Amino acid sequence: MYFTVIIPVFNASHTIERCLSSLIRQSVKKEDYEIIVVDDGSKDRTSDIVKQFPVKYLWQTNRGPASARNKGAREARSEIILFTDADCVPQNNWIEEMVRYFDDQKVMAVKGAYKTSQKSLVARFAQIEFEERFEMLKKVEAIDMVDTYSAAYRKSIFLSLGGFDPSFPVANNEDTELSYKMSMAGYKMVFNPNAVVSHLNHPDSIKKYARNKFWRGYWRMVVYKRYPNKMLKDSYTPQTLKLQIVSLALFLICLPFTWLLPNLIFYPLVLLFILFILSALPFTKLALKRDLAVGILSPFLLSIRAVSLGLGIIWGIVS
């Protein structure tokens, strides 16, 4: 079987070399796969670096990562296409693990996993967020979310669905939109936790993290408008996250009224605070096992997440 790995790049000179160095040293035979890099109009040294590697290099004017991935998929010579990002470093058995499940003819897409070696506390918190979701995905036979940082599809199905929607101008929830579309069409997607890429660019400050989550909330609302049934439940989103957003939003809405109706508002505020803390306990417990410092600070960081996502959701609804 032959495979194609597709990487969209835009001004990725700081990371693309590590990504490609890993991809040309995979455990599968070199003659069994090709690598396509689609340059989405980079203005730095990205093209010079990419051309040093034995890969197929494509260029387009800047139209966003969804468009770049679709271009690579159309040029792929294989039926199985894999995607990763320029700031990811796949482990040497990544391709082997990503394609393993395609022996089952019912499987149309495969999702892999993230790891990070970043040292900042916020980046470590972001990593445990993913690990919480990975634990959820391990428990189900089929999933409804495949992220582009570690993704594989049957090309024929990918193209029949139109690929990634290029109306998403940045790398944000275009993979969610395609995943929900595949799920609604009844196509089977699975999770392989052994198909791992190391991510180099988790947000490493509270400001970057909050901004990232704000836009996650915004673009997720764009997706939910198309697939409203997924708002209630999917295989990837912890229900506790929704409780945190709602309880903290109500808490903040009620807080200014404490000076007007202190006796009436006090008890609802206490109940909402308790609800938030209870909803944070599963994540905190997991974080304490993985990283003590992150676990201790997780209620505070979860509140930052809830506020940022909530504001993004509101902006998505209003706009």
Protein backbone atom coordinates (compact mmCIF):
# COMPACT_ATOMS: atom_id res chain seq x y z
CA MET A 1 0.00 0.00 0.00
CA TYR A 2 1.16 3.52 -0.83
CA PHE A 3 0.62 6.62 1.34
CA THR A 4 0.83 10.41 1.01
CA VAL A 5 1.73 12.80 3.83
CA ILE A 6 0.55 16.39 3.31
CA ILE A 7 1.85 19.39 5.27
CA PRO A 8 0.50 22.93 4.71
CA VAL A 9 3.06 25.60 5.55
CA PHE A 10 3.00 29.35 6.00
CA ASN A 11 6.10 31.16 7.27
CA ALA A 12 7.20 27.94 9.00
CA SER A 13 10.97 28.36 8.72
CA HIS A 14 11.46 27.83 12.48
CA THR A 15 9.76 24.42 12.61
CA ILE A 16 9.44 22.78 9.19
CA GLU A 17 12.97 21.35 9.18
CA ARG A 18 12.32 19.27 12.30
CA CYS A 19 9.00 18.11 10.89
CA LEU A 20 10.45 16.95 7.58
CA SER A 21 13.58 15.44 9.16
CA SER A 22 11.28 13.15 11.12
CA LEU A 23 9.04 12.32 8.19
CA ILE A 24 11.87 11.15 5.94
CA ARG A 25 13.00 8.71 8.66
CA GLN A 26 9.78 6.75 9.16
CA SER A 27 9.62 3.04 9.94
CA VAL A 28 7.79 2.30 6.68
CA LYS A 29 9.85 1.90 3.51
CA LYS A 30 10.72 5.13 1.72
CA GLU A 31 9.30 3.79 -1.53
CA ASP A 32 5.92 3.26 0.17
CA TYR A 33 5.09 6.92 0.75
CA GLU A 34 5.47 10.43 -0.61
CA ILE A 35 5.55 13.78 1.18
CA ILE A 36 3.79 16.82 -0.24
CA VAL A 37 4.44 20.28 1.22
CA VAL A 38 1.98 22.96 0.17
CA ASP A 39 3.37 26.46 0.72
CA ASP A 40 0.48 28.85 1.34
CA GLY A 41 2.36 31.95 0.20
CA SER A 42 5.22 32.04 2.73
CA LYS A 43 7.42 35.14 2.79
CA ASP A 44 10.27 33.76 4.90
CA ARG A 45 12.85 31.02 4.19
CA THR A 46 10.31 28.20 4.27
CA SER A 47 10.67 27.32 0.58
CA ASP A 48 14.49 27.23 0.75
CA ILE A 49 14.36 24.81 3.68
CA VAL A 50 11.69 22.55 2.18
CA LYS A 51 13.55 22.23 -1.12
CA GLN A 52 16.49 20.67 0.71
CA PHE A 53 14.35 17.58 1.37
CA PRO A 54 13.17 14.83 -1.00
CA VAL A 55 9.56 16.04 -1.04
CA LYS A 56 7.10 17.39 -3.56
CA TYR A 57 6.85 21.17 -3.11
CA LEU A 58 3.73 23.05 -4.19
CA TRP A 59 3.10 26.79 -3.89
CA GLN A 60 -0.07 28.85 -3.88
CA THR A 61 -1.04 32.40 -3.04
CA ASN A 62 -2.20 32.71 0.56
CA ARG A 63 -5.66 31.16 0.84
CA GLY A 64 -5.46 29.47 4.24
CA PRO A 65 -4.49 26.00 5.50
CA ALA A 66 -7.79 24.36 4.47
CA SER A 67 -7.20 25.32 0.84
CA ALA A 68 -3.55 24.23 1.06
CA ARG A 69 -4.47 20.80 2.45
CA ASN A 70 -7.09 20.32 -0.26
CA LYS A 71 -4.53 21.16 -2.94
CA GLY A 72 -2.16 18.56 -1.52
CA ALA A 73 -4.94 15.96 -1.41
CA ARG A 74 -5.78 16.52 -5.07
CA GLU A 75 -2.11 16.03 -6.00
CA ALA A 76 -1.68 12.88 -3.88
CA ARG A 77 -0.84 9.67 -5.71
CA SER A 78 -2.29 7.41 -3.02
CA GLU A 79 -5.72 6.46 -1.72
CA ILE A 80 -4.62 6.95 1.90
CA ILE A 81 -3.69 10.56 2.69
CA LEU A 82 -2.21 11.75 5.98
CA PHE A 83 -2.01 15.27 7.37
CA THR A 84 0.20 16.86 9.98
CA ASP A 85 1.27 20.43 10.66
CA ALA A 86 4.56 22.22 10.14
CA ASP A 87 5.00 22.69 13.90
CA CYS A 88 4.63 18.96 14.62
CA VAL A 89 7.37 16.31 14.76
CA PRO A 90 5.94 12.83 14.07
CA GLN A 91 7.47 9.89 15.91
CA ASN A 92 9.34 7.48 13.66
CA ASN A 93 6.45 4.97 13.59
CA TRP A 94 3.76 7.60 12.98
CA ILE A 95 2.86 6.62 9.43
CA GLU A 96 2.87 2.92 10.34
CA GLU A 97 0.46 3.54 13.23
CA MET A 98 -1.76 5.99 11.34
CA VAL A 99 -2.46 3.56 8.49
CA ARG A 100 -2.84 0.44 10.62
CA TYR A 101 -6.62 0.75 11.00
CA PHE A 102 -7.25 1.05 7.27
CA ASP A 103 -7.02 -2.73 7.01
CA ASP A 104 -10.64 -2.46 8.16
CA GLN A 105 -12.53 -1.38 5.04
CA LYS A 106 -15.18 0.33 7.17
CA VAL A 107 -12.66 2.83 8.59
CA MET A 108 -12.61 6.08 6.62
CA ALA A 109 -10.47 8.29 8.89
CA VAL A 110 -7.96 7.94 11.72
CA LYS A 111 -6.97 10.40 14.43
CA GLY A 112 -3.59 10.33 16.18
CA ALA A 113 -2.32 11.98 19.37
CA TYR A 114 -0.27 14.95 20.57
CA LYS A 115 2.64 15.11 22.97
CA THR A 116 4.80 18.07 23.90
CA SER A 117 8.19 18.70 25.49
CA GLN A 118 7.47 22.39 26.16
CA LYS A 119 8.39 23.55 29.66
CA SER A 120 6.01 26.46 30.30
CA LEU A 121 3.22 25.74 32.76
CA VAL A 122 0.51 26.96 30.36
CA ALA A 123 1.77 24.67 27.59
CA ARG A 124 1.82 21.73 30.00
CA PHE A 125 -1.75 22.57 31.00
CA ALA A 126 -2.77 22.64 27.32
CA GLN A 127 -1.18 19.21 26.85
CA ILE A 128 -3.18 17.73 29.73
CA GLU A 129 -6.31 19.18 28.14
CA PHE A 130 -5.61 16.98 25.13
CA GLU A 131 -4.81 14.01 27.33
CA GLU A 132 -8.19 14.36 29.06
CA ARG A 133 -9.82 14.10 25.66
CA PHE A 134 -7.61 11.20 24.63
CA GLU A 135 -8.81 9.26 27.66
CA MET A 136 -12.39 9.83 26.48
CA LEU A 137 -11.63 8.70 22.95
CA LYS A 138 -9.96 5.48 24.10
CA LYS A 139 -13.29 4.34 25.55
CA VAL A 140 -15.31 4.47 22.32
CA GLU A 141 -15.21 2.28 19.23
CA ALA A 142 -15.79 5.16 16.82
CA ILE A 143 -15.21 8.91 17.14
CA ASP A 144 -16.53 12.05 15.48
CA MET A 145 -13.46 14.31 15.62
CA VAL A 146 -10.20 14.01 13.65
CA ASP A 147 -7.67 16.83 14.15
CA THR A 148 -5.41 17.86 11.31
CA TYR A 149 -2.22 17.72 13.38
CA SER A 150 -2.40 13.91 13.13
CA ALA A 151 -5.04 12.79 10.65
CA ALA A 152 -5.53 10.23 7.91
CA TYR A 153 -8.36 9.74 5.41
CA ARG A 154 -9.36 7.64 2.47
CA LYS A 155 -8.78 10.10 -0.35
CA SER A 156 -11.90 9.16 -2.28
CA ILE A 157 -14.15 9.90 0.72
CA PHE A 158 -12.21 13.06 1.61
CA LEU A 159 -12.65 14.50 -1.87
CA SER A 160 -16.27 13.37 -2.20
CA LEU A 161 -17.08 15.48 0.88
CA GLY A 162 -15.25 18.49 -0.53
CA GLY A 163 -12.25 18.25 1.78
CA PHE A 164 -11.74 21.02 4.32
CA ASP A 165 -13.99 24.04 3.95
CA PRO A 166 -11.76 26.91 2.68
CA SER A 167 -14.17 29.48 4.13
CA PHE A 168 -12.36 28.80 7.42
CA PRO A 169 -9.45 31.21 6.83
CA VAL A 170 -7.21 29.96 9.65
CA ALA A 171 -6.35 26.60 11.20
CA ASN A 172 -9.31 26.61 13.56
CA ASN A 173 -12.22 24.14 13.52
CA GLU A 174 -12.12 23.40 9.80
CA ASP A 175 -11.18 19.87 10.85
CA THR A 176 -14.14 19.81 13.27
CA GLU A 177 -16.48 20.82 10.44
CA LEU A 178 -15.22 18.00 8.19
CA SER A 179 -15.34 15.50 11.06
CA TYR A 180 -18.96 16.31 11.85
CA LYS A 181 -19.80 16.07 8.16
CA MET A 182 -18.23 12.61 8.00
CA SER A 183 -20.02 11.59 11.19
CA MET A 184 -23.40 12.75 9.87
CA ALA A 185 -22.77 10.78 6.67
CA GLY A 186 -22.21 7.63 8.75
CA TYR A 187 -18.50 7.18 8.02
CA LYS A 188 -16.44 5.41 10.66
CA MET A 189 -13.53 7.29 12.29
CA VAL A 190 -11.21 5.83 14.92
CA PHE A 191 -8.58 6.99 17.38
CA ASN A 192 -5.09 5.51 17.58
CA PRO A 193 -3.25 6.85 20.69
CA ASN A 194 -0.03 5.23 19.43
CA ALA A 195 0.17 7.49 16.36
CA VAL A 196 1.97 10.36 18.06
CA VAL A 197 3.32 13.71 16.94
CA SER A 198 5.22 16.09 19.20
CA HIS A 199 3.75 19.56 19.08
CA LEU A 200 6.18 22.47 19.29
CA ASN A 201 3.77 25.38 19.70
CA HIS A 202 1.17 24.96 22.44
CA PRO A 203 0.33 28.48 23.77
CA ASP A 204 3.02 29.23 26.37
CA SER A 205 1.48 32.24 28.15
CA ILE A 206 -1.93 33.01 29.62
CA LYS A 207 -2.45 35.80 27.08
CA LYS A 208 -1.75 33.52 24.11
CA TYR A 209 -3.80 30.73 25.65
CA ALA A 210 -6.81 32.99 26.30
CA ARG A 211 -6.67 34.40 22.78
CA ASN A 212 -6.45 30.87 21.34
CA LYS A 213 -9.49 29.72 23.33
CA PHE A 214 -11.50 32.82 22.41
CA TRP A 215 -11.15 32.00 18.71
CA ARG A 216 -11.78 28.31 19.40
CA GLY A 217 -15.10 29.30 20.91
CA TYR A 218 -15.93 31.61 18.02
CA TRP A 219 -15.19 29.13 15.24
CA ARG A 220 -16.83 26.26 17.10
CA MET A 221 -20.07 28.28 17.07
CA VAL A 222 -19.71 28.60 13.30
CA VAL A 223 -19.55 24.80 13.13
CA TYR A 224 -22.41 24.32 15.60
CA LYS A 225 -24.68 26.47 13.43
CA ARG A 226 -24.25 23.83 10.72
CA TYR A 227 -24.44 20.82 13.04
CA PRO A 228 -26.52 21.93 16.06
CA ASN A 229 -27.02 18.36 17.32
CA LYS A 230 -23.29 18.14 18.05
CA MET A 231 -23.62 21.02 20.51
CA LEU A 232 -25.21 18.68 23.04
CA LYS A 233 -22.67 15.87 22.82
CA ASP A 234 -19.78 14.60 20.75
CA SER A 235 -17.00 12.12 21.43
CA TYR A 236 -14.35 14.79 21.96
CA THR A 237 -15.75 17.51 24.23
CA PRO A 238 -15.92 16.82 27.99
CA GLN A 239 -19.36 17.57 29.40
CA THR A 240 -17.59 19.11 32.40
CA LEU A 241 -16.23 21.81 30.09
CA LYS A 242 -19.77 22.89 29.23
CA LEU A 243 -20.69 22.97 32.92
CA GLN A 244 -17.66 25.15 33.63
CA ILE A 245 -18.58 27.64 30.91
CA VAL A 246 -22.22 27.87 32.00
CA SER A 247 -21.60 27.99 35.77
CA LEU A 248 -18.85 30.60 35.49
CA ALA A 249 -20.87 32.71 33.05
CA LEU A 250 -23.86 32.74 35.40
CA PHE A 251 -21.56 33.48 38.35
CA LEU A 252 -20.08 36.51 36.58
CA ILE A 253 -23.52 37.72 35.48
CA CYS A 254 -24.87 37.49 39.05
CA LEU A 255 -21.80 39.00 40.71
CA PRO A 256 -22.59 42.71 40.00
CA PHE A 257 -26.01 42.32 41.64
CA THR A 258 -24.60 41.37 45.04
CA TRP A 259 -24.63 45.01 46.18
CA LEU A 260 -28.30 45.40 45.17
CA LEU A 261 -29.71 42.09 46.44
CA PRO A 262 -27.03 40.62 48.70
CA ASN A 263 -29.32 38.19 50.55
CA LEU A 264 -30.96 36.96 47.36
CA ILE A 265 -27.81 36.62 45.25
CA PHE A 266 -25.41 35.20 47.85
CA TYR A 267 -26.64 31.61 47.84
CA PRO A 268 -26.91 31.25 44.05
CA LEU A 269 -23.34 32.57 43.82
CA VAL A 270 -22.15 29.97 46.32
CA LEU A 271 -23.98 27.20 44.45
CA LEU A 272 -22.53 28.29 41.10
CA PHE A 273 -19.03 28.43 42.58
CA ILE A 274 -19.44 24.93 44.04
CA LEU A 275 -20.75 23.66 40.68
CA PHE A 276 -17.69 25.05 38.92
CA ILE A 277 -15.30 23.46 41.45
CA LEU A 278 -17.08 20.10 41.23
CA SER A 279 -16.96 20.19 37.43
CA ALA A 280 -13.22 20.94 37.63
CA LEU A 281 -12.44 17.97 39.89
CA PRO A 282 -12.05 15.27 37.17
CA PHE A 283 -9.53 17.39 35.26
CA THR A 284 -7.74 18.41 38.45
CA LYS A 285 -7.44 14.78 39.51
CA LEU A 286 -5.96 13.82 36.14
CA ALA A 287 -3.60 16.82 36.16
CA LEU A 288 -2.33 16.03 39.66
CA LYS A 289 -1.29 12.57 38.44
CA ARG A 290 0.52 13.99 35.40
CA ASP A 291 1.95 17.28 36.65
CA LEU A 292 1.65 18.47 40.26
CA ALA A 293 2.05 22.19 39.51
CA VAL A 294 -0.55 22.10 36.75
CA GLY A 295 -2.89 20.15 39.00
CA ILE A 296 -2.65 22.69 41.80
CA LEU A 297 -3.31 25.62 39.46
CA SER A 298 -5.85 23.86 37.27
CA PRO A 299 -9.00 25.47 38.81
CA PHE A 300 -7.58 28.92 38.00
CA LEU A 301 -6.50 27.87 34.50
CA LEU A 302 -9.85 26.18 33.87
CA SER A 303 -11.57 29.46 34.79
CA ILE A 304 -9.42 31.28 32.22
CA ARG A 305 -10.44 28.65 29.66
CA ALA A 306 -14.14 28.93 30.50
CA VAL A 307 -14.18 32.73 30.31
CA SER A 308 -12.22 32.82 27.04
CA LEU A 309 -14.33 30.15 25.36
CA GLY A 310 -17.50 31.75 26.68
CA LEU A 311 -16.59 35.16 25.26
CA GLY A 312 -15.71 33.54 21.93
CA ILE A 313 -19.06 31.72 21.89
CA ILE A 314 -20.90 34.98 22.59
CA TRP A 315 -18.98 36.74 19.82
CA GLY A 316 -19.81 33.85 17.48
CA ILE A 317 -23.51 34.15 18.29
CA VAL A 318 -23.62 37.95 18.05
CA SER A 319 -21.59 38.28 14.87
